[in-house]
Amino acid sequence: MKRPLILFPLLLLHLLLGIGALYGGGMLMTDADGFGVKPEWLEHSPLWSYILPGIILFVINGVFPLFIAWGLFRKPVWHRAGLFNIYPERHWAWTYSLFSGLGLIIWINVQITMVPFFWLQPVFLAVGLLILIFTLWPGLMRYYQN
């Protein structure tokens, strides 16, 4: 079956999200002040530093979407990757793409409640919604049917 065209913007979203989150997470872990975030933004949160959010951002919104993009593009049969696939009738990368979109939406909503408004928050909220929309596109769902 030929790859649906909607796959390519989905791959682009995962790649941009992953690369951006690797950079952002790395900066939060190593130089939060230089990254432009202020320590007082954490006053109304249970956190004392940006290290934990940096790790979460780096792994969940950085490494994970890049892994998903690879899986969506290559469609490898890898049974261990399917360990958390709650839709066994679909390829694991398709399911993880849903997880990524939902995770990004949750991440941004938590961020909105804890730190002051930043112009990238609605942008990444839209990215999360687009990931969900593209992943749930009927042609893409058929393509990733096992």
N, C-alpha and C. Protein backbone atom coordinates (compact mmCIF):
# COMPACT_ATOMS: atom_id res chain seq x y z
N MET A 1 0.84 -1.18 0.00
CA MET A 1 0.00 0.00 0.00
C MET A 1 0.88 1.24 0.00
N LYS A 2 0.51 2.21 -0.80
CA LYS A 2 1.26 3.45 -0.92
C LYS A 2 1.06 4.33 0.32
N ARG A 3 2.13 5.02 0.72
CA ARG A 3 2.05 5.91 1.88
C ARG A 3 1.06 7.05 1.60
N PRO A 4 0.13 7.30 2.54
CA PRO A 4 -0.79 8.42 2.34
C PRO A 4 -0.04 9.76 2.49
N LEU A 5 -0.48 10.75 1.75
CA LEU A 5 0.19 12.06 1.79
C LEU A 5 0.14 12.70 3.17
N ILE A 6 -0.90 12.44 3.94
CA ILE A 6 -1.04 13.04 5.27
C ILE A 6 0.08 12.57 6.21
N LEU A 7 0.74 11.48 5.85
CA LEU A 7 1.84 10.99 6.67
C LEU A 7 2.98 12.00 6.73
N PHE A 8 3.25 12.69 5.63
CA PHE A 8 4.41 13.56 5.57
C PHE A 8 4.30 14.79 6.48
N PRO A 9 3.15 15.48 6.55
CA PRO A 9 3.06 16.54 7.56
C PRO A 9 3.10 16.00 8.99
N LEU A 10 2.58 14.79 9.20
CA LEU A 10 2.65 14.18 10.53
C LEU A 10 4.11 13.91 10.90
N LEU A 11 4.88 13.37 9.97
CA LEU A 11 6.30 13.14 10.22
C LEU A 11 7.02 14.45 10.52
N LEU A 12 6.70 15.49 9.76
CA LEU A 12 7.32 16.79 9.97
C LEU A 12 7.00 17.32 11.37
N LEU A 13 5.76 17.19 11.80
CA LEU A 13 5.39 17.65 13.15
C LEU A 13 6.17 16.90 14.22
N HIS A 14 6.28 15.58 14.07
CA HIS A 14 7.04 14.79 15.05
C HIS A 14 8.52 15.18 15.04
N LEU A 15 9.07 15.39 13.86
CA LEU A 15 10.49 15.77 13.77
C LEU A 15 10.74 17.14 14.39
N LEU A 16 9.90 18.11 14.07
CA LEU A 16 10.08 19.46 14.62
C LEU A 16 9.88 19.46 16.14
N LEU A 17 8.86 18.75 16.59
CA LEU A 17 8.61 18.64 18.03
C LEU A 17 9.81 18.00 18.72
N GLY A 18 10.28 16.89 18.18
CA GLY A 18 11.39 16.18 18.79
C GLY A 18 12.66 17.00 18.85
N ILE A 19 13.03 17.62 17.75
CA ILE A 19 14.26 18.42 17.71
C ILE A 19 14.15 19.62 18.64
N GLY A 20 13.00 20.29 18.61
CA GLY A 20 12.80 21.45 19.49
C GLY A 20 12.83 21.07 20.96
N ALA A 21 12.23 19.94 21.30
CA ALA A 21 12.19 19.51 22.70
C ALA A 21 13.56 19.00 23.17
N LEU A 22 14.34 18.42 22.29
CA LEU A 22 15.70 18.04 22.68
C LEU A 22 16.48 19.29 23.07
N TYR A 23 16.35 20.32 22.25
CA TYR A 23 17.05 21.58 22.54
C TYR A 23 16.50 22.22 23.82
N GLY A 24 15.17 22.37 23.89
CA GLY A 24 14.56 23.01 25.05
C GLY A 24 14.81 22.25 26.34
N GLY A 25 14.66 20.93 26.29
CA GLY A 25 14.91 20.12 27.48
C GLY A 25 16.37 20.18 27.90
N GLY A 26 17.26 20.15 26.93
CA GLY A 26 18.68 20.26 27.24
C GLY A 26 19.02 21.59 27.89
N MET A 27 18.42 22.65 27.38
CA MET A 27 18.66 23.98 27.96
C MET A 27 18.09 24.08 29.36
N LEU A 28 16.90 23.53 29.59
CA LEU A 28 16.32 23.57 30.93
C LEU A 28 17.19 22.81 31.93
N MET A 29 17.79 21.72 31.50
CA MET A 29 18.62 20.93 32.40
C MET A 29 19.98 21.58 32.68
N THR A 30 20.51 22.30 31.69
CA THR A 30 21.89 22.79 31.82
C THR A 30 22.01 24.30 32.05
N ASP A 31 21.12 25.10 31.46
CA ASP A 31 21.24 26.56 31.56
C ASP A 31 19.87 27.21 31.47
N ALA A 32 19.02 26.97 32.45
CA ALA A 32 17.66 27.51 32.43
C ALA A 32 17.66 29.03 32.39
N ASP A 33 18.56 29.66 33.16
CA ASP A 33 18.63 31.13 33.16
C ASP A 33 18.97 31.65 31.77
N GLY A 34 19.96 31.04 31.12
CA GLY A 34 20.34 31.45 29.78
C GLY A 34 19.26 31.19 28.75
N PHE A 35 18.37 30.26 29.06
CA PHE A 35 17.26 29.91 28.17
C PHE A 35 16.12 30.93 28.29
N GLY A 36 16.18 31.75 29.33
CA GLY A 36 15.18 32.80 29.49
C GLY A 36 14.05 32.49 30.45
N VAL A 37 14.11 31.36 31.12
CA VAL A 37 13.08 31.05 32.12
C VAL A 37 13.55 31.58 33.47
N LYS A 38 12.61 32.00 34.25
CA LYS A 38 12.94 32.63 35.52
C LYS A 38 12.63 31.69 36.69
N PRO A 39 13.50 31.66 37.70
CA PRO A 39 13.26 30.78 38.85
C PRO A 39 11.93 31.08 39.56
N GLU A 40 11.50 32.35 39.57
CA GLU A 40 10.25 32.70 40.26
C GLU A 40 9.01 32.11 39.58
N TRP A 41 9.14 31.66 38.35
CA TRP A 41 8.01 31.02 37.68
C TRP A 41 7.64 29.70 38.35
N LEU A 42 8.55 29.16 39.10
CA LEU A 42 8.30 27.89 39.79
C LEU A 42 7.68 28.06 41.17
N GLU A 43 7.45 29.30 41.61
CA GLU A 43 6.92 29.56 42.94
C GLU A 43 5.59 28.86 43.21
N HIS A 44 4.73 28.77 42.22
CA HIS A 44 3.41 28.16 42.40
C HIS A 44 3.37 26.72 41.89
N SER A 45 4.53 26.10 41.86
CA SER A 45 4.61 24.72 41.41
C SER A 45 5.29 23.88 42.49
N PRO A 46 5.19 22.58 42.40
CA PRO A 46 5.87 21.73 43.39
C PRO A 46 7.36 21.54 43.08
N LEU A 47 7.87 22.22 42.07
CA LEU A 47 9.25 22.03 41.63
C LEU A 47 10.17 23.08 42.23
N TRP A 48 11.42 22.70 42.43
CA TRP A 48 12.41 23.63 42.97
C TRP A 48 13.43 24.06 41.90
N SER A 49 13.46 23.33 40.78
CA SER A 49 14.35 23.69 39.68
C SER A 49 13.74 23.21 38.37
N TYR A 50 14.40 23.56 37.28
CA TYR A 50 13.92 23.17 35.95
C TYR A 50 14.52 21.85 35.47
N ILE A 51 15.25 21.15 36.33
CA ILE A 51 15.89 19.91 35.91
C ILE A 51 14.86 18.84 35.56
N LEU A 52 13.90 18.59 36.43
CA LEU A 52 12.89 17.57 36.15
C LEU A 52 12.04 17.90 34.91
N PRO A 53 11.53 19.15 34.78
CA PRO A 53 10.82 19.46 33.54
C PRO A 53 11.71 19.32 32.31
N GLY A 54 13.00 19.62 32.45
CA GLY A 54 13.93 19.47 31.34
C GLY A 54 14.09 18.02 30.93
N ILE A 55 14.19 17.13 31.91
CA ILE A 55 14.30 15.70 31.61
C ILE A 55 13.04 15.19 30.93
N ILE A 56 11.88 15.58 31.47
CA ILE A 56 10.61 15.14 30.89
C ILE A 56 10.47 15.66 29.47
N LEU A 57 10.77 16.96 29.28
CA LEU A 57 10.69 17.55 27.94
C LEU A 57 11.63 16.83 26.98
N PHE A 58 12.85 16.60 27.40
CA PHE A 58 13.86 15.96 26.55
C PHE A 58 13.43 14.56 26.12
N VAL A 59 12.92 13.78 27.07
CA VAL A 59 12.58 12.38 26.78
C VAL A 59 11.21 12.25 26.13
N ILE A 60 10.17 12.79 26.77
CA ILE A 60 8.79 12.57 26.31
C ILE A 60 8.46 13.35 25.05
N ASN A 61 8.90 14.60 24.97
CA ASN A 61 8.58 15.41 23.79
C ASN A 61 9.77 15.55 22.85
N GLY A 62 10.90 14.95 23.19
CA GLY A 62 12.09 15.01 22.34
C GLY A 62 12.42 13.67 21.72
N VAL A 63 12.91 12.75 22.54
CA VAL A 63 13.32 11.44 22.04
C VAL A 63 12.12 10.65 21.51
N PHE A 64 11.03 10.64 22.27
CA PHE A 64 9.86 9.83 21.90
C PHE A 64 9.29 10.20 20.52
N PRO A 65 9.05 11.49 20.20
CA PRO A 65 8.54 11.80 18.85
C PRO A 65 9.51 11.45 17.72
N LEU A 66 10.80 11.52 17.98
CA LEU A 66 11.77 11.13 16.95
C LEU A 66 11.71 9.63 16.71
N PHE A 67 11.56 8.87 17.79
CA PHE A 67 11.38 7.42 17.69
C PHE A 67 10.09 7.10 16.93
N ILE A 68 9.04 7.84 17.22
CA ILE A 68 7.76 7.64 16.54
C ILE A 68 7.89 7.95 15.05
N ALA A 69 8.54 9.06 14.71
CA ALA A 69 8.71 9.42 13.30
C ALA A 69 9.44 8.30 12.55
N TRP A 70 10.49 7.77 13.17
CA TRP A 70 11.21 6.65 12.56
C TRP A 70 10.27 5.46 12.37
N GLY A 71 9.49 5.13 13.40
CA GLY A 71 8.56 4.00 13.31
C GLY A 71 7.47 4.20 12.28
N LEU A 72 6.96 5.42 12.20
CA LEU A 72 5.92 5.71 11.20
C LEU A 72 6.47 5.59 9.78
N PHE A 73 7.70 6.05 9.60
CA PHE A 73 8.28 6.04 8.26
C PHE A 73 8.70 4.63 7.83
N ARG A 74 9.34 3.91 8.72
CA ARG A 74 9.89 2.59 8.37
C ARG A 74 8.92 1.43 8.58
N LYS A 75 7.96 1.60 9.50
CA LYS A 75 7.02 0.54 9.87
C LYS A 75 7.73 -0.76 10.24
N PRO A 76 8.72 -0.67 11.12
CA PRO A 76 9.44 -1.90 11.47
C PRO A 76 8.58 -2.82 12.33
N VAL A 77 8.78 -4.10 12.16
CA VAL A 77 8.13 -5.08 13.02
C VAL A 77 9.06 -5.27 14.21
N TRP A 78 8.64 -4.73 15.33
CA TRP A 78 9.46 -4.78 16.52
C TRP A 78 8.53 -5.01 17.70
N HIS A 79 8.47 -6.24 18.13
CA HIS A 79 7.48 -6.65 19.12
C HIS A 79 7.65 -5.94 20.46
N ARG A 80 8.86 -5.66 20.85
CA ARG A 80 9.08 -4.96 22.13
C ARG A 80 8.54 -3.54 22.08
N ALA A 81 8.60 -2.91 20.93
CA ALA A 81 8.05 -1.55 20.81
C ALA A 81 6.54 -1.57 20.97
N GLY A 82 5.93 -2.69 20.68
CA GLY A 82 4.49 -2.80 20.79
C GLY A 82 4.00 -3.13 22.18
N LEU A 83 4.88 -3.11 23.16
CA LEU A 83 4.53 -3.48 24.53
C LEU A 83 3.37 -2.64 25.07
N PHE A 84 3.34 -1.35 24.77
CA PHE A 84 2.29 -0.46 25.26
C PHE A 84 1.28 -0.10 24.18
N ASN A 85 1.23 -0.89 23.14
CA ASN A 85 0.29 -0.63 22.05
C ASN A 85 -1.10 -1.09 22.47
N ILE A 86 -1.96 -0.13 22.80
CA ILE A 86 -3.31 -0.48 23.25
C ILE A 86 -4.25 -0.74 22.07
N TYR A 87 -3.77 -0.55 20.87
CA TYR A 87 -4.52 -0.87 19.65
C TYR A 87 -3.74 -1.91 18.86
N PRO A 88 -3.79 -3.17 19.26
CA PRO A 88 -2.95 -4.19 18.61
C PRO A 88 -3.30 -4.42 17.14
N GLU A 89 -4.44 -3.94 16.69
CA GLU A 89 -4.78 -4.09 15.27
C GLU A 89 -4.07 -3.03 14.41
N ARG A 90 -3.34 -2.13 15.05
CA ARG A 90 -2.59 -1.10 14.33
C ARG A 90 -1.11 -1.21 14.70
N HIS A 91 -0.29 -0.69 13.82
CA HIS A 91 1.15 -0.67 14.06
C HIS A 91 1.44 0.14 15.33
N TRP A 92 2.44 -0.26 16.08
CA TRP A 92 2.77 0.41 17.34
C TRP A 92 3.09 1.89 17.15
N ALA A 93 3.72 2.27 16.05
CA ALA A 93 4.08 3.68 15.85
C ALA A 93 2.83 4.55 15.71
N TRP A 94 1.77 4.00 15.14
CA TRP A 94 0.52 4.75 15.02
C TRP A 94 -0.04 5.04 16.41
N THR A 95 -0.08 4.03 17.26
CA THR A 95 -0.60 4.20 18.62
C THR A 95 0.26 5.20 19.40
N TYR A 96 1.57 5.09 19.25
CA TYR A 96 2.45 5.99 19.98
C TYR A 96 2.34 7.42 19.46
N SER A 97 1.95 7.59 18.21
CA SER A 97 1.70 8.93 17.69
C SER A 97 0.52 9.56 18.42
N LEU A 98 -0.51 8.76 18.68
CA LEU A 98 -1.64 9.25 19.49
C LEU A 98 -1.15 9.66 20.88
N PHE A 99 -0.34 8.79 21.49
CA PHE A 99 0.20 9.09 22.82
C PHE A 99 0.98 10.40 22.81
N SER A 100 1.75 10.61 21.76
CA SER A 100 2.57 11.81 21.65
C SER A 100 1.69 13.07 21.58
N GLY A 101 0.67 13.03 20.74
CA GLY A 101 -0.23 14.18 20.63
C GLY A 101 -0.92 14.48 21.94
N LEU A 102 -1.44 13.44 22.59
CA LEU A 102 -2.11 13.62 23.89
C LEU A 102 -1.12 14.10 24.95
N GLY A 103 0.06 13.53 24.95
CA GLY A 103 1.09 13.93 25.92
C GLY A 103 1.48 15.39 25.76
N LEU A 104 1.60 15.84 24.52
CA LEU A 104 1.96 17.24 24.28
C LEU A 104 0.84 18.16 24.76
N ILE A 105 -0.41 17.80 24.50
CA ILE A 105 -1.54 18.62 24.96
C ILE A 105 -1.56 18.69 26.49
N ILE A 106 -1.33 17.57 27.14
CA ILE A 106 -1.29 17.55 28.61
C ILE A 106 -0.13 18.40 29.11
N TRP A 107 1.05 18.23 28.50
CA TRP A 107 2.24 18.99 28.89
C TRP A 107 1.97 20.49 28.83
N ILE A 108 1.38 20.95 27.73
CA ILE A 108 1.13 22.38 27.56
C ILE A 108 0.08 22.87 28.54
N ASN A 109 -0.96 22.09 28.78
CA ASN A 109 -1.98 22.51 29.74
C ASN A 109 -1.42 22.61 31.15
N VAL A 110 -0.57 21.68 31.54
CA VAL A 110 0.07 21.77 32.86
C VAL A 110 0.98 23.00 32.90
N GLN A 111 1.71 23.22 31.83
CA GLN A 111 2.60 24.37 31.76
C GLN A 111 1.83 25.68 31.88
N ILE A 112 0.69 25.77 31.22
CA ILE A 112 -0.14 26.98 31.26
C ILE A 112 -0.60 27.28 32.69
N THR A 113 -0.87 26.24 33.47
CA THR A 113 -1.33 26.45 34.84
C THR A 113 -0.19 26.83 35.79
N MET A 114 1.05 26.54 35.41
CA MET A 114 2.17 26.75 36.33
C MET A 114 3.08 27.92 36.00
N VAL A 115 3.16 28.31 34.75
CA VAL A 115 4.08 29.39 34.38
C VAL A 115 3.32 30.46 33.62
N PRO A 116 3.86 31.68 33.57
CA PRO A 116 3.18 32.75 32.83
C PRO A 116 3.04 32.41 31.34
N PHE A 117 2.08 33.07 30.72
CA PHE A 117 1.81 32.86 29.30
C PHE A 117 3.06 33.12 28.47
N PHE A 118 3.27 32.26 27.50
CA PHE A 118 4.37 32.40 26.56
C PHE A 118 3.80 32.09 25.18
N TRP A 119 4.20 32.82 24.17
CA TRP A 119 3.59 32.71 22.84
C TRP A 119 3.69 31.32 22.23
N LEU A 120 4.66 30.52 22.65
CA LEU A 120 4.80 29.18 22.09
C LEU A 120 3.77 28.18 22.64
N GLN A 121 3.15 28.50 23.77
CA GLN A 121 2.18 27.58 24.35
C GLN A 121 1.02 27.28 23.41
N PRO A 122 0.34 28.29 22.85
CA PRO A 122 -0.73 27.95 21.90
C PRO A 122 -0.22 27.30 20.62
N VAL A 123 0.99 27.62 20.22
CA VAL A 123 1.57 26.98 19.03
C VAL A 123 1.71 25.48 19.27
N PHE A 124 2.28 25.09 20.42
CA PHE A 124 2.47 23.67 20.69
C PHE A 124 1.17 22.97 21.05
N LEU A 125 0.21 23.70 21.57
CA LEU A 125 -1.12 23.12 21.76
C LEU A 125 -1.71 22.75 20.40
N ALA A 126 -1.55 23.64 19.42
CA ALA A 126 -2.01 23.37 18.05
C ALA A 126 -1.25 22.20 17.44
N VAL A 127 0.05 22.11 17.70
CA VAL A 127 0.84 20.99 17.18
C VAL A 127 0.30 19.67 17.74
N GLY A 128 0.01 19.64 19.03
CA GLY A 128 -0.55 18.43 19.64
C GLY A 128 -1.88 18.05 19.01
N LEU A 129 -2.73 19.04 18.78
CA LEU A 129 -4.03 18.77 18.14
C LEU A 129 -3.85 18.28 16.71
N LEU A 130 -2.92 18.88 15.98
CA LEU A 130 -2.66 18.45 14.60
C LEU A 130 -2.11 17.02 14.56
N ILE A 131 -1.25 16.68 15.51
CA ILE A 131 -0.74 15.31 15.56
C ILE A 131 -1.91 14.34 15.74
N LEU A 132 -2.84 14.68 16.63
CA LEU A 132 -4.01 13.81 16.83
C LEU A 132 -4.86 13.73 15.57
N ILE A 133 -5.14 14.87 14.95
CA ILE A 133 -5.98 14.90 13.74
C ILE A 133 -5.34 14.09 12.62
N PHE A 134 -4.06 14.31 12.37
CA PHE A 134 -3.38 13.59 11.28
C PHE A 134 -3.29 12.10 11.58
N THR A 135 -3.04 11.75 12.84
CA THR A 135 -2.95 10.33 13.21
C THR A 135 -4.28 9.64 13.03
N LEU A 136 -5.36 10.34 13.32
CA LEU A 136 -6.70 9.75 13.22
C LEU A 136 -7.31 9.90 11.82
N TRP A 137 -6.54 10.41 10.87
CA TRP A 137 -7.01 10.54 9.49
C TRP A 137 -7.33 9.14 8.96
N PRO A 138 -8.51 8.95 8.38
CA PRO A 138 -8.90 7.59 7.96
C PRO A 138 -7.90 6.88 7.04
N GLY A 139 -7.33 7.58 6.08
CA GLY A 139 -6.35 6.95 5.20
C GLY A 139 -5.10 6.50 5.94
N LEU A 140 -4.69 7.28 6.93
CA LEU A 140 -3.52 6.92 7.72
C LEU A 140 -3.84 5.73 8.63
N MET A 141 -5.05 5.73 9.17
CA MET A 141 -5.45 4.60 10.01
C MET A 141 -5.46 3.29 9.20
N ARG A 142 -5.94 3.36 7.97
CA ARG A 142 -5.93 2.16 7.11
C ARG A 142 -4.50 1.72 6.80
N TYR A 143 -3.62 2.68 6.56
CA TYR A 143 -2.23 2.36 6.22
C TYR A 143 -1.52 1.63 7.36
N TYR A 144 -1.86 1.95 8.58
CA TYR A 144 -1.20 1.34 9.74
C TYR A 144 -2.00 0.18 10.34
N GLN A 145 -2.99 -0.30 9.61
CA GLN A 145 -3.74 -1.48 10.04
C GLN A 145 -2.85 -2.69 9.91
N ASN A 146 -2.79 -3.51 10.95
CA ASN A 146 -1.99 -4.76 10.90
C ASN A 146 -2.69 -5.82 10.11
